[in-house]
Amino acid sequence: GPMALCVVLCGLWQLLAGALYLSRFIALVPHPVMLGFVNGLAIVIARAQLGQFREHGDGPWVEVPVMTGMILTVLVSMISAVVAPRIPVLGRVLPGPLVAIVCAIAFSCAISPWFPQRTLAQAAGEETFQGGPHSLPHWNFPPRGVDWSSTGMWTACLVTSIRMALVGLVESLLTVKLLDGLTGTPGSTRRECFGQGLGNIVAGLFGTQGGCALIGQSLINVSGGGTTRLSGFVMSLGLGVSVCVLAPVVGRIPVAALVGLMFLVSINTFAWGSLGLLHIIAWTDALVIITVTLVTVFVDLATAVLIGLFISALVFAWSAAREVRLVDDPQGENTRVFRLQGPLFFGS
């Protein structure tokens, strides 16, 4: 329905952002905003995993034996992901997350007589993991159920699509900056806009969800040694094969195996060093970090970044305004020259 139209419009906005070089403004995001972004996102990632311990994601908690088995499997998955890369031969051949999933599956099967498994198929539904060609989306444009003459519908779609495009680009471009720091290689934010826009347009034409960069998946990819464009292509290809061919097998994977990896991603994403900086840096920077973190957790990412930018801009303007000095330079008995030093603007 209208949501498919929103996804297509979102892709068009993102293409426009790339064409107008708007992605360059991500360089204006201050470091305190970046720290608040990663901290808030880490908390959101961890909080999202708690739904896996509930029936249907938001129902009652699973039974105690199932809960116990999931917690033990989560610990095995996390420990395996940390230890595997440190094993001399194995760490160079296989990525840690893959070893962690295999170990967690084996452990979950071993304890299943006492602690029943909770698989992906049980959590998401058996129909989700049927696989086969029918699992691929079909062409769905123009979308059904859309009143093309409704002004209210167009207004809602435009507003929603702009917000989707903003959230997607902000999260993706900040993820690019984060990965640039981890890999030491510069990424192209403009290409990110074009690629994401084209992807969302295609997704909308087939009636599926829009998307953006996933910081959790990106960090798992980088931690496993995937630092080039080929890694993203292989990941997409593997995901497609998993959905179309190996879906019944993937559905048998214990949920806790993946939950453990995501908890580990959350721990690694959080900028723990920022906690030690809060009493050292300027109180305004600390305020920005805490504010962006809280707004990311309780509202959304785009709002958090905008609020962080607004606070940072006010602080900079106030600091710059205080740097203006008027110097009196007498040139004689009847002549005085006043020199203005510092930035001159409306707040000076």
C-alpha atoms as a PDB file:
ATOM      1  CA  GLY A   1       0.000   0.000   0.000  1.00  0.00           C
ATOM      2  CA  PRO A   2       1.176   3.541   0.779  1.00  0.00           C
ATOM      3  CA  MET A   3       4.228   2.201   2.614  1.00  0.00           C
ATOM      4  CA  ALA A   4       5.675   0.871  -0.656  1.00  0.00           C
ATOM      5  CA  LEU A   5       5.210   4.354  -2.122  1.00  0.00           C
ATOM      6  CA  CYS A   6       7.012   5.816   0.918  1.00  0.00           C
ATOM      7  CA  VAL A   7       9.978   3.500   0.328  1.00  0.00           C
ATOM      8  CA  VAL A   8      10.224   4.555  -3.341  1.00  0.00           C
ATOM      9  CA  LEU A   9      10.031   8.245  -2.387  1.00  0.00           C
ATOM     10  CA  CYS A  10      12.635   7.640   0.314  1.00  0.00           C
ATOM     11  CA  GLY A  11      14.996   6.254  -2.341  1.00  0.00           C
ATOM     12  CA  LEU A  12      14.386   9.281  -4.551  1.00  0.00           C
ATOM     13  CA  TRP A  13      15.183  11.676  -1.692  1.00  0.00           C
ATOM     14  CA  GLN A  14      18.412   9.787  -1.031  1.00  0.00           C
ATOM     15  CA  LEU A  15      19.391   9.973  -4.703  1.00  0.00           C
ATOM     16  CA  LEU A  16      18.738  13.715  -4.583  1.00  0.00           C
ATOM     17  CA  ALA A  17      20.925  14.008  -1.483  1.00  0.00           C
ATOM     18  CA  GLY A  18      23.738  12.276  -3.349  1.00  0.00           C
ATOM     19  CA  ALA A  19      23.313  14.420  -6.451  1.00  0.00           C
ATOM     20  CA  LEU A  20      23.456  17.615  -4.378  1.00  0.00           C
ATOM     21  CA  TYR A  21      26.527  16.448  -2.433  1.00  0.00           C
ATOM     22  CA  LEU A  22      24.594  16.765   0.826  1.00  0.00           C
ATOM     23  CA  SER A  23      26.510  13.815   2.250  1.00  0.00           C
ATOM     24  CA  ARG A  24      29.535  16.086   2.778  1.00  0.00           C
ATOM     25  CA  PHE A  25      27.709  17.696   5.718  1.00  0.00           C
ATOM     26  CA  ILE A  26      28.243  14.510   7.746  1.00  0.00           C
ATOM     27  CA  ALA A  27      31.757  15.889   8.313  1.00  0.00           C
ATOM     28  CA  LEU A  28      30.151  18.625  10.437  1.00  0.00           C
ATOM     29  CA  VAL A  29      28.980  16.086  13.018  1.00  0.00           C
ATOM     30  CA  PRO A  30      31.074  16.755  16.162  1.00  0.00           C
ATOM     31  CA  HIS A  31      32.869  13.923  17.939  1.00  0.00           C
ATOM     32  CA  PRO A  32      30.649  14.141  21.071  1.00  0.00           C
ATOM     33  CA  VAL A  33      27.600  13.542  18.843  1.00  0.00           C
ATOM     34  CA  MET A  34      29.387  10.553  17.309  1.00  0.00           C
ATOM     35  CA  LEU A  35      30.103   9.129  20.766  1.00  0.00           C
ATOM     36  CA  GLY A  36      26.492   9.580  21.820  1.00  0.00           C
ATOM     37  CA  PHE A  37      25.390   7.942  18.580  1.00  0.00           C
ATOM     38  CA  VAL A  38      27.433   4.766  19.065  1.00  0.00           C
ATOM     39  CA  ASN A  39      26.570   4.536  22.777  1.00  0.00           C
ATOM     40  CA  GLY A  40      22.860   4.922  22.150  1.00  0.00           C
ATOM     41  CA  LEU A  41      22.935   2.470  19.266  1.00  0.00           C
ATOM     42  CA  ALA A  42      24.776  -0.078  21.416  1.00  0.00           C
ATOM     43  CA  ILE A  43      22.050   0.141  24.054  1.00  0.00           C
ATOM     44  CA  VAL A  44      19.332  -0.161  21.388  1.00  0.00           C
ATOM     45  CA  ILE A  45      21.017  -3.271  19.940  1.00  0.00           C
ATOM     46  CA  ALA A  46      21.255  -4.910  23.363  1.00  0.00           C
ATOM     47  CA  ARG A  47      17.693  -3.992  24.304  1.00  0.00           C
ATOM     48  CA  ALA A  48      16.355  -5.441  21.046  1.00  0.00           C
ATOM     49  CA  GLN A  49      17.829  -8.838  21.928  1.00  0.00           C
ATOM     50  CA  LEU A  50      15.717  -9.076  25.076  1.00  0.00           C
ATOM     51  CA  GLY A  51      12.652  -9.603  22.896  1.00  0.00           C
ATOM     52  CA  GLN A  52      14.090 -12.942  21.805  1.00  0.00           C
ATOM     53  CA  PHE A  53      13.540 -14.229  25.340  1.00  0.00           C
ATOM     54  CA  ARG A  54       9.799 -13.479  25.075  1.00  0.00           C
ATOM     55  CA  GLU A  55       7.029 -15.248  23.237  1.00  0.00           C
ATOM     56  CA  HIS A  56       6.342 -13.476  19.915  1.00  0.00           C
ATOM     57  CA  GLY A  57       8.827 -10.773  20.878  1.00  0.00           C
ATOM     58  CA  ASP A  58       6.560  -8.865  23.261  1.00  0.00           C
ATOM     59  CA  GLY A  59       4.629 -11.584  25.086  1.00  0.00           C
ATOM     60  CA  PRO A  60       5.419 -13.371  28.332  1.00  0.00           C
ATOM     61  CA  TRP A  61       8.911 -14.632  29.069  1.00  0.00           C
ATOM     62  CA  VAL A  62       9.710 -18.107  27.766  1.00  0.00           C
ATOM     63  CA  GLU A  63       9.625 -21.028  30.184  1.00  0.00           C
ATOM     64  CA  VAL A  64      12.428 -21.395  32.710  1.00  0.00           C
ATOM     65  CA  PRO A  65      14.138 -24.435  31.092  1.00  0.00           C
ATOM     66  CA  VAL A  66      14.125 -22.714  27.700  1.00  0.00           C
ATOM     67  CA  MET A  67      15.367 -19.475  29.255  1.00  0.00           C
ATOM     68  CA  THR A  68      18.196 -21.291  31.050  1.00  0.00           C
ATOM     69  CA  GLY A  69      19.281 -23.048  27.869  1.00  0.00           C
ATOM     70  CA  MET A  70      19.215 -19.777  25.927  1.00  0.00           C
ATOM     71  CA  ILE A  71      21.329 -17.970  28.508  1.00  0.00           C
ATOM     72  CA  LEU A  72      23.918 -20.777  28.529  1.00  0.00           C
ATOM     73  CA  THR A  73      23.995 -20.834  24.717  1.00  0.00           C
ATOM     74  CA  VAL A  74      24.416 -17.047  24.609  1.00  0.00           C
ATOM     75  CA  LEU A  75      27.448 -17.333  26.894  1.00  0.00           C
ATOM     76  CA  VAL A  76      28.965 -20.100  24.745  1.00  0.00           C
ATOM     77  CA  SER A  77      28.415 -18.015  21.607  1.00  0.00           C
ATOM     78  CA  MET A  78      30.059 -14.930  23.125  1.00  0.00           C
ATOM     79  CA  ILE A  79      33.025 -16.837  24.572  1.00  0.00           C
ATOM     80  CA  SER A  80      33.596 -18.707  21.297  1.00  0.00           C
ATOM     81  CA  ALA A  81      33.545 -15.479  19.276  1.00  0.00           C
ATOM     82  CA  VAL A  82      36.157 -13.952  21.571  1.00  0.00           C
ATOM     83  CA  VAL A  83      38.432 -16.994  21.883  1.00  0.00           C
ATOM     84  CA  ALA A  84      38.324 -18.315  18.285  1.00  0.00           C
ATOM     85  CA  PRO A  85      40.297 -15.451  16.647  1.00  0.00           C
ATOM     86  CA  ARG A  86      43.080 -15.979  19.208  1.00  0.00           C
ATOM     87  CA  ILE A  87      43.641 -19.628  18.244  1.00  0.00           C
ATOM     88  CA  PRO A  88      46.750 -19.600  16.003  1.00  0.00           C
ATOM     89  CA  VAL A  89      45.553 -21.588  12.977  1.00  0.00           C
ATOM     90  CA  LEU A  90      41.789 -21.490  13.351  1.00  0.00           C
ATOM     91  CA  GLY A  91      41.739 -17.737  13.882  1.00  0.00           C
ATOM     92  CA  ARG A  92      43.344 -17.118  10.482  1.00  0.00           C
ATOM     93  CA  VAL A  93      41.163 -19.560   8.550  1.00  0.00           C
ATOM     94  CA  LEU A  94      37.661 -19.037   9.961  1.00  0.00           C
ATOM     95  CA  PRO A  95      36.029 -15.829  11.212  1.00  0.00           C
ATOM     96  CA  GLY A  96      35.127 -15.723  14.878  1.00  0.00           C
ATOM     97  CA  PRO A  97      31.352 -15.241  14.387  1.00  0.00           C
ATOM     98  CA  LEU A  98      31.118 -18.371  12.214  1.00  0.00           C
ATOM     99  CA  VAL A  99      32.989 -20.438  14.803  1.00  0.00           C
ATOM    100  CA  ALA A 100      30.749 -19.013  17.513  1.00  0.00           C
ATOM    101  CA  ILE A 101      27.571 -20.038  15.687  1.00  0.00           C
ATOM    102  CA  VAL A 102      28.864 -23.578  15.096  1.00  0.00           C
ATOM    103  CA  CYS A 103      29.921 -23.975  18.741  1.00  0.00           C
ATOM    104  CA  ALA A 104      26.612 -22.566  19.984  1.00  0.00           C
ATOM    105  CA  ILE A 105      24.635 -24.947  17.761  1.00  0.00           C
ATOM    106  CA  ALA A 106      26.632 -27.939  19.000  1.00  0.00           C
ATOM    107  CA  PHE A 107      26.239 -26.866  22.626  1.00  0.00           C
ATOM    108  CA  SER A 108      22.511 -26.230  22.239  1.00  0.00           C
ATOM    109  CA  CYS A 109      21.997 -29.688  20.713  1.00  0.00           C
ATOM    110  CA  ALA A 110      23.999 -31.289  23.523  1.00  0.00           C
ATOM    111  CA  ILE A 111      21.884 -29.753  26.293  1.00  0.00           C
ATOM    112  CA  SER A 112      18.541 -30.026  24.459  1.00  0.00           C
ATOM    113  CA  PRO A 113      17.391 -33.082  26.476  1.00  0.00           C
ATOM    114  CA  TRP A 114      17.402 -30.913  29.597  1.00  0.00           C
ATOM    115  CA  PHE A 115      16.987 -27.429  28.161  1.00  0.00           C
ATOM    116  CA  PRO A 116      14.763 -27.320  25.037  1.00  0.00           C
ATOM    117  CA  GLN A 117      15.982 -25.264  22.100  1.00  0.00           C
ATOM    118  CA  ARG A 118      14.298 -22.127  20.776  1.00  0.00           C
ATOM    119  CA  THR A 119      15.083 -21.935  17.075  1.00  0.00           C
ATOM    120  CA  LEU A 120      14.691 -19.144  14.546  1.00  0.00           C
ATOM    121  CA  ALA A 121      11.730 -20.940  13.006  1.00  0.00           C
ATOM    122  CA  GLN A 122       9.982 -21.076  16.386  1.00  0.00           C
ATOM    123  CA  ALA A 123      10.662 -17.392  17.002  1.00  0.00           C
ATOM    124  CA  ALA A 124       9.685 -16.050  13.556  1.00  0.00           C
ATOM    125  CA  GLY A 125       7.269 -18.744  12.383  1.00  0.00           C
ATOM    126  CA  GLU A 126       7.780 -21.833  10.247  1.00  0.00           C
ATOM    127  CA  GLU A 127       6.371 -20.106   7.148  1.00  0.00           C
ATOM    128  CA  THR A 128       9.235 -17.602   7.263  1.00  0.00           C
ATOM    129  CA  PHE A 129      11.781 -20.349   6.621  1.00  0.00           C
ATOM    130  CA  GLN A 130      10.040 -22.371   3.929  1.00  0.00           C
ATOM    131  CA  GLY A 131      12.519 -21.227   1.281  1.00  0.00           C
ATOM    132  CA  GLY A 132      12.165 -21.844  -2.442  1.00  0.00           C
ATOM    133  CA  PRO A 133      11.446 -19.448  -5.321  1.00  0.00           C
ATOM    134  CA  HIS A 134       8.099 -18.427  -3.827  1.00  0.00           C
ATOM    135  CA  SER A 135       9.982 -16.721  -0.983  1.00  0.00           C
ATOM    136  CA  LEU A 136      11.240 -14.077  -3.422  1.00  0.00           C
ATOM    137  CA  PRO A 137       9.180 -10.855  -3.588  1.00  0.00           C
ATOM    138  CA  HIS A 138       7.028 -10.145  -6.635  1.00  0.00           C
ATOM    139  CA  TRP A 139       6.607  -6.908  -8.586  1.00  0.00           C
ATOM    140  CA  ASN A 140       4.202  -4.684  -6.682  1.00  0.00           C
ATOM    141  CA  PHE A 141       4.068  -1.296  -8.368  1.00  0.00           C
ATOM    142  CA  PRO A 142       1.819   0.609  -8.581  1.00  0.00           C
ATOM    143  CA  PRO A 143       1.011  -0.627  -5.066  1.00  0.00           C
ATOM    144  CA  ARG A 144      -2.497  -1.747  -4.341  1.00  0.00           C
ATOM    145  CA  GLY A 145      -4.650   0.132  -1.847  1.00  0.00           C
ATOM    146  CA  VAL A 146      -3.319   3.589  -2.692  1.00  0.00           C
ATOM    147  CA  ASP A 147      -5.732   6.473  -3.266  1.00  0.00           C
ATOM    148  CA  TRP A 148      -3.693   8.508  -5.744  1.00  0.00           C
ATOM    149  CA  SER A 149      -6.111  11.448  -5.547  1.00  0.00           C
ATOM    150  CA  SER A 150      -5.918  11.791  -1.760  1.00  0.00           C
ATOM    151  CA  THR A 151      -4.048  14.908  -0.632  1.00  0.00           C
ATOM    152  CA  GLY A 152      -3.802  13.545   2.890  1.00  0.00           C
ATOM    153  CA  MET A 153      -2.181  10.340   1.649  1.00  0.00           C
ATOM    154  CA  TRP A 154       0.408  12.236  -0.394  1.00  0.00           C
ATOM    155  CA  THR A 155       1.183  14.524   2.549  1.00  0.00           C
ATOM    156  CA  ALA A 156       1.643  11.588   4.899  1.00  0.00           C
ATOM    157  CA  CYS A 157       3.803   9.730   2.359  1.00  0.00           C
ATOM    158  CA  LEU A 158       6.030  12.747   1.697  1.00  0.00           C
ATOM    159  CA  VAL A 159       6.565  13.475   5.391  1.00  0.00           C
ATOM    160  CA  THR A 160       7.205   9.816   6.214  1.00  0.00           C
ATOM    161  CA  SER A 161       9.559   9.323   3.260  1.00  0.00           C
ATOM    162  CA  ILE A 162      11.626  12.400   4.182  1.00  0.00           C
ATOM    163  CA  ARG A 163      11.969  11.133   7.725  1.00  0.00           C
ATOM    164  CA  MET A 164      12.889   7.646   6.493  1.00  0.00           C
ATOM    165  CA  ALA A 165      15.510   9.076   4.144  1.00  0.00           C
ATOM    166  CA  LEU A 166      16.969  11.255   6.893  1.00  0.00           C
ATOM    167  CA  VAL A 167      17.156   8.430   9.436  1.00  0.00           C
ATOM    168  CA  GLY A 168      18.624   6.030   6.878  1.00  0.00           C
ATOM    169  CA  LEU A 169      21.284   8.431   5.636  1.00  0.00           C
ATOM    170  CA  VAL A 170      22.285   9.682   9.074  1.00  0.00           C
ATOM    171  CA  GLU A 171      22.723   6.157  10.457  1.00  0.00           C
ATOM    172  CA  SER A 172      24.479   4.939   7.316  1.00  0.00           C
ATOM    173  CA  LEU A 173      26.869   7.875   6.980  1.00  0.00           C
ATOM    174  CA  LEU A 174      27.768   7.769  10.654  1.00  0.00           C
ATOM    175  CA  THR A 175      28.383   4.036  10.243  1.00  0.00           C
ATOM    176  CA  VAL A 176      30.685   4.843   7.311  1.00  0.00           C
ATOM    177  CA  LYS A 177      32.628   7.269   9.509  1.00  0.00           C
ATOM    178  CA  LEU A 178      32.883   4.676  12.275  1.00  0.00           C
ATOM    179  CA  LEU A 179      34.138   1.975   9.906  1.00  0.00           C
ATOM    180  CA  ASP A 180      36.590   4.411   8.328  1.00  0.00           C
ATOM    181  CA  GLY A 181      38.158   4.824  11.741  1.00  0.00           C
ATOM    182  CA  LEU A 182      38.328   1.059  12.300  1.00  0.00           C
ATOM    183  CA  THR A 183      39.750   0.143   8.896  1.00  0.00           C
ATOM    184  CA  GLY A 184      41.849   3.246   8.270  1.00  0.00           C
ATOM    185  CA  THR A 185      40.407   3.598   4.767  1.00  0.00           C
ATOM    186  CA  PRO A 186      38.187   6.468   3.563  1.00  0.00           C
ATOM    187  CA  GLY A 187      34.696   5.587   2.363  1.00  0.00           C
ATOM    188  CA  SER A 188      32.577   7.496  -0.149  1.00  0.00           C
ATOM    189  CA  THR A 189      29.532   8.991   1.534  1.00  0.00           C
ATOM    190  CA  ARG A 190      28.156  10.109  -1.842  1.00  0.00           C
ATOM    191  CA  ARG A 191      28.231   6.554  -3.180  1.00  0.00           C
ATOM    192  CA  GLU A 192      26.449   5.464  -0.025  1.00  0.00           C
ATOM    193  CA  CYS A 193      23.621   7.877  -0.845  1.00  0.00           C
ATOM    194  CA  PHE A 194      23.316   6.619  -4.421  1.00  0.00           C
ATOM    195  CA  GLY A 195      23.569   2.951  -3.480  1.00  0.00           C
ATOM    196  CA  GLN A 196      21.065   3.216  -0.672  1.00  0.00           C
ATOM    197  CA  GLY A 197      18.668   5.258  -2.800  1.00  0.00           C
ATOM    198  CA  LEU A 198      18.715   2.742  -5.654  1.00  0.00           C
ATOM    199  CA  GLY A 199      18.277  -0.113  -3.202  1.00  0.00           C
ATOM    200  CA  ASN A 200      15.240   1.485  -1.581  1.00  0.00           C
ATOM    201  CA  ILE A 201      13.656   2.255  -4.941  1.00  0.00           C
ATOM    202  CA  VAL A 202      14.003  -1.381  -6.013  1.00  0.00           C
ATOM    203  CA  ALA A 203      12.686  -2.536  -2.617  1.00  0.00           C
ATOM    204  CA  GLY A 204       9.630  -0.288  -2.945  1.00  0.00           C
ATOM    205  CA  LEU A 205       8.903  -1.531  -6.466  1.00  0.00           C
ATOM    206  CA  PHE A 206       8.716  -5.078  -5.108  1.00  0.00           C
ATOM    207  CA  GLY A 207       6.667  -4.079  -2.065  1.00  0.00           C
ATOM    208  CA  THR A 208       9.336  -4.879   0.516  1.00  0.00           C
ATOM    209  CA  GLN A 209      10.833  -2.917   3.379  1.00  0.00           C
ATOM    210  CA  GLY A 210      13.325  -0.148   2.888  1.00  0.00           C
ATOM    211  CA  GLY A 211      16.687  -0.336   4.578  1.00  0.00           C
ATOM    212  CA  CYS A 212      19.943   1.308   5.472  1.00  0.00           C
ATOM    213  CA  ALA A 213      23.350   0.344   6.799  1.00  0.00           C
ATOM    214  CA  LEU A 214      23.336  -1.935   9.842  1.00  0.00           C
ATOM    215  CA  ILE A 215      26.103  -1.008  12.238  1.00  0.00           C
ATOM    216  CA  GLY A 216      25.869  -4.367  14.026  1.00  0.00           C
ATOM    217  CA  GLN A 217      26.197  -6.422  10.863  1.00  0.00           C
ATOM    218  CA  SER A 218      28.923  -4.096   9.593  1.00  0.00           C
ATOM    219  CA  LEU A 219      30.961  -4.517  12.771  1.00  0.00           C
ATOM    220  CA  ILE A 220      30.593  -8.316  12.606  1.00  0.00           C
ATOM    221  CA  ASN A 221      31.786  -8.172   9.010  1.00  0.00           C
ATOM    222  CA  VAL A 222      34.808  -6.020   9.816  1.00  0.00           C
ATOM    223  CA  SER A 223      35.723  -8.033  12.915  1.00  0.00           C
ATOM    224  CA  GLY A 224      35.736 -11.160  10.735  1.00  0.00           C
ATOM    225  CA  GLY A 225      38.260  -9.591   8.364  1.00  0.00           C
ATOM    226  CA  GLY A 226      35.818  -8.329   5.729  1.00  0.00           C
ATOM    227  CA  THR A 227      37.151  -4.854   5.024  1.00  0.00           C
ATOM    228  CA  THR A 228      36.691  -4.576   1.241  1.00  0.00           C
ATOM    229  CA  ARG A 229      33.722  -4.189  -1.103  1.00  0.00           C
ATOM    230  CA  LEU A 230      33.880  -7.903  -1.867  1.00  0.00           C
ATOM    231  CA  SER A 231      32.873  -8.703   1.712  1.00  0.00           C
ATOM    232  CA  GLY A 232      29.591  -6.810   1.344  1.00  0.00           C
ATOM    233  CA  PHE A 233      28.843  -8.561  -1.945  1.00  0.00           C
ATOM    234  CA  VAL A 234      29.570 -12.004  -0.474  1.00  0.00           C
ATOM    235  CA  MET A 235      27.409 -11.207   2.556  1.00  0.00           C
ATOM    236  CA  SER A 236      24.479 -10.225   0.313  1.00  0.00           C
ATOM    237  CA  LEU A 237      24.930 -13.314  -1.830  1.00  0.00           C
ATOM    238  CA  GLY A 238      25.089 -15.524   1.256  1.00  0.00           C
ATOM    239  CA  LEU A 239      21.955 -13.915   2.653  1.00  0.00           C
ATOM    240  CA  GLY A 240      20.117 -14.519  -0.626  1.00  0.00           C
ATOM    241  CA  VAL A 241      21.170 -18.188  -0.693  1.00  0.00           C
ATOM    242  CA  SER A 242      20.118 -18.560   2.944  1.00  0.00           C
ATOM    243  CA  VAL A 243      16.651 -17.181   2.193  1.00  0.00           C
ATOM    244  CA  CYS A 244      15.985 -19.034  -1.053  1.00  0.00           C
ATOM    245  CA  VAL A 245      17.866 -22.332  -0.689  1.00  0.00           C
ATOM    246  CA  LEU A 246      18.981 -22.929   2.888  1.00  0.00           C
ATOM    247  CA  ALA A 247      15.997 -21.412   4.687  1.00  0.00           C
ATOM    248  CA  PRO A 248      14.821 -24.693   6.298  1.00  0.00           C
ATOM    249  CA  VAL A 249      18.353 -25.304   7.596  1.00  0.00           C
ATOM    250  CA  VAL A 250      18.768 -21.721   8.824  1.00  0.00           C
ATOM    251  CA  GLY A 251      15.444 -22.011  10.638  1.00  0.00           C
ATOM    252  CA  ARG A 252      16.924 -24.754  12.831  1.00  0.00           C
ATOM    253  CA  ILE A 253      19.673 -22.459  14.191  1.00  0.00           C
ATOM    254  CA  PRO A 254      19.134 -21.608  17.885  1.00  0.00           C
ATOM    255  CA  VAL A 255      18.131 -18.009  18.414  1.00  0.00           C
ATOM    256  CA  ALA A 256      20.568 -17.713  21.315  1.00  0.00           C
ATOM    257  CA  ALA A 257      23.542 -18.337  18.995  1.00  0.00           C
ATOM    258  CA  LEU A 258      22.808 -15.094  17.149  1.00  0.00           C
ATOM    259  CA  VAL A 259      21.717 -13.247  20.286  1.00  0.00           C
ATOM    260  CA  GLY A 260      25.145 -13.902  21.785  1.00  0.00           C
ATOM    261  CA  LEU A 261      26.840 -12.363  18.758  1.00  0.00           C
ATOM    262  CA  MET A 262      24.591  -9.307  18.900  1.00  0.00           C
ATOM    263  CA  PHE A 263      25.290  -8.832  22.613  1.00  0.00           C
ATOM    264  CA  LEU A 264      28.989  -8.969  21.780  1.00  0.00           C
ATOM    265  CA  VAL A 265      28.474  -6.418  18.994  1.00  0.00           C
ATOM    266  CA  SER A 266      26.667  -4.173  21.476  1.00  0.00           C
ATOM    267  CA  ILE A 267      29.548  -4.420  23.950  1.00  0.00           C
ATOM    268  CA  ASN A 268      32.116  -3.651  21.260  1.00  0.00           C
ATOM    269  CA  THR A 269      30.043  -0.807  19.795  1.00  0.00           C
ATOM    270  CA  PHE A 270      29.712   1.073  23.082  1.00  0.00           C
ATOM    271  CA  ALA A 271      32.484   3.654  23.476  1.00  0.00           C
ATOM    272  CA  TRP A 272      33.496   2.662  26.995  1.00  0.00           C
ATOM    273  CA  GLY A 273      36.294   5.208  26.962  1.00  0.00           C
ATOM    274  CA  SER A 274      33.729   7.997  26.803  1.00  0.00           C
ATOM    275  CA  LEU A 275      32.633   7.193  30.373  1.00  0.00           C
ATOM    276  CA  GLY A 276      36.085   8.093  31.648  1.00  0.00           C
ATOM    277  CA  LEU A 277      36.063  11.316  29.653  1.00  0.00           C
ATOM    278  CA  LEU A 278      32.834  12.721  31.104  1.00  0.00           C
ATOM    279  CA  HIS A 279      34.603  14.308  34.093  1.00  0.00           C
ATOM    280  CA  ILE A 280      37.567  15.499  32.015  1.00  0.00           C
ATOM    281  CA  ILE A 281      36.057  17.119  28.928  1.00  0.00           C
ATOM    282  CA  ALA A 282      34.007  20.314  28.919  1.00  0.00           C
ATOM    283  CA  TRP A 283      30.629  19.942  30.572  1.00  0.00           C
ATOM    284  CA  THR A 284      28.925  20.972  27.343  1.00  0.00           C
ATOM    285  CA  ASP A 285      30.539  18.083  25.458  1.00  0.00           C
ATOM    286  CA  ALA A 286      29.501  15.704  28.228  1.00  0.00           C
ATOM    287  CA  LEU A 287      25.962  17.067  27.978  1.00  0.00           C
ATOM    288  CA  VAL A 288      25.929  16.391  24.226  1.00  0.00           C
ATOM    289  CA  ILE A 289      27.137  12.801  24.690  1.00  0.00           C
ATOM    290  CA  ILE A 290      24.530  12.017  27.353  1.00  0.00           C
ATOM    291  CA  THR A 291      21.700  13.783  25.509  1.00  0.00           C
ATOM    292  CA  VAL A 292      22.362  12.087  22.175  1.00  0.00           C
ATOM    293  CA  THR A 293      22.626   8.709  23.909  1.00  0.00           C
ATOM    294  CA  LEU A 294      19.314   9.090  25.738  1.00  0.00           C
ATOM    295  CA  VAL A 295      17.410  10.484  22.749  1.00  0.00           C
ATOM    296  CA  THR A 296      18.736   7.666  20.552  1.00  0.00           C
ATOM    297  CA  VAL A 297      17.466   5.094  23.053  1.00  0.00           C
ATOM    298  CA  PHE A 298      14.067   6.632  23.802  1.00  0.00           C
ATOM    299  CA  VAL A 299      13.187   8.509  20.576  1.00  0.00           C
ATOM    300  CA  ASP A 300      15.118   7.835  17.371  1.00  0.00           C
ATOM    301  CA  LEU A 301      18.523   8.330  15.836  1.00  0.00           C
ATOM    302  CA  ALA A 302      17.740  11.237  13.498  1.00  0.00           C
ATOM    303  CA  THR A 303      16.188  13.296  16.284  1.00  0.00           C
ATOM    304  CA  ALA A 304      19.157  12.546  18.540  1.00  0.00           C
ATOM    305  CA  VAL A 305      21.709  13.678  15.954  1.00  0.00           C
ATOM    306  CA  LEU A 306      19.766  16.843  15.147  1.00  0.00           C
ATOM    307  CA  ILE A 307      19.485  17.735  18.834  1.00  0.00           C
ATOM    308  CA  GLY A 308      23.192  17.033  19.298  1.00  0.00           C
ATOM    309  CA  LEU A 309      24.066  19.246  16.334  1.00  0.00           C
ATOM    310  CA  PHE A 310      21.800  22.011  17.655  1.00  0.00           C
ATOM    311  CA  ILE A 311      23.388  21.963  21.119  1.00  0.00           C
ATOM    312  CA  SER A 312      26.904  21.827  19.649  1.00  0.00           C
ATOM    313  CA  ALA A 313      26.145  24.752  17.326  1.00  0.00           C
ATOM    314  CA  LEU A 314      24.836  26.858  20.207  1.00  0.00           C
ATOM    315  CA  VAL A 315      27.905  26.060  22.304  1.00  0.00           C
ATOM    316  CA  PHE A 316      30.236  26.934  19.425  1.00  0.00           C
ATOM    317  CA  ALA A 317      28.408  30.190  18.710  1.00  0.00           C
ATOM    318  CA  TRP A 318      28.547  31.193  22.373  1.00  0.00           C
ATOM    319  CA  SER A 319      32.263  30.335  22.601  1.00  0.00           C
ATOM    320  CA  ALA A 320      33.064  32.178  19.372  1.00  0.00           C
ATOM    321  CA  ALA A 321      31.097  35.226  20.507  1.00  0.00           C
ATOM    322  CA  ARG A 322      33.221  35.478  23.656  1.00  0.00           C
ATOM    323  CA  GLU A 323      36.429  35.525  21.613  1.00  0.00           C
ATOM    324  CA  VAL A 324      35.766  39.028  20.223  1.00  0.00           C
ATOM    325  CA  ARG A 325      38.068  41.696  21.645  1.00  0.00           C
ATOM    326  CA  LEU A 326      38.111  45.451  21.085  1.00  0.00           C
ATOM    327  CA  VAL A 327      41.686  46.760  21.268  1.00  0.00           C
ATOM    328  CA  ASP A 328      42.287  50.497  21.836  1.00  0.00           C
ATOM    329  CA  ASP A 329      45.390  51.640  19.950  1.00  0.00           C
ATOM    330  CA  PRO A 330      46.131  55.371  20.550  1.00  0.00           C
ATOM    331  CA  GLN A 331      47.866  56.968  17.551  1.00  0.00           C
ATOM    332  CA  GLY A 332      48.417  60.439  19.013  1.00  0.00           C
ATOM    333  CA  GLU A 333      46.757  63.124  21.075  1.00  0.00           C
ATOM    334  CA  ASN A 334      43.746  63.453  18.795  1.00  0.00           C
ATOM    335  CA  THR A 335      43.632  60.019  17.162  1.00  0.00           C
ATOM    336  CA  ARG A 336      42.560  56.647  18.542  1.00  0.00           C
ATOM    337  CA  VAL A 337      42.251  53.447  16.502  1.00  0.00           C
ATOM    338  CA  PHE A 338      40.017  50.660  17.686  1.00  0.00           C
ATOM    339  CA  ARG A 339      40.878  47.193  16.339  1.00  0.00           C
ATOM    340  CA  LEU A 340      38.286  44.394  16.380  1.00  0.00           C
ATOM    341  CA  GLN A 341      39.864  40.976  16.919  1.00  0.00           C
ATOM    342  CA  GLY A 342      37.960  37.713  16.594  1.00  0.00           C
ATOM    343  CA  PRO A 343      34.955  36.497  14.592  1.00  0.00           C
ATOM    344  CA  LEU A 344      32.282  39.105  13.935  1.00  0.00           C
ATOM    345  CA  PHE A 345      28.769  37.696  13.554  1.00  0.00           C
ATOM    346  CA  PHE A 346      25.282  38.171  14.938  1.00  0.00           C
ATOM    347  CA  GLY A 347      26.206  36.689  18.356  1.00  0.00           C
ATOM    348  CA  SER A 348      29.397  38.682  18.877  1.00  0.00           C
END
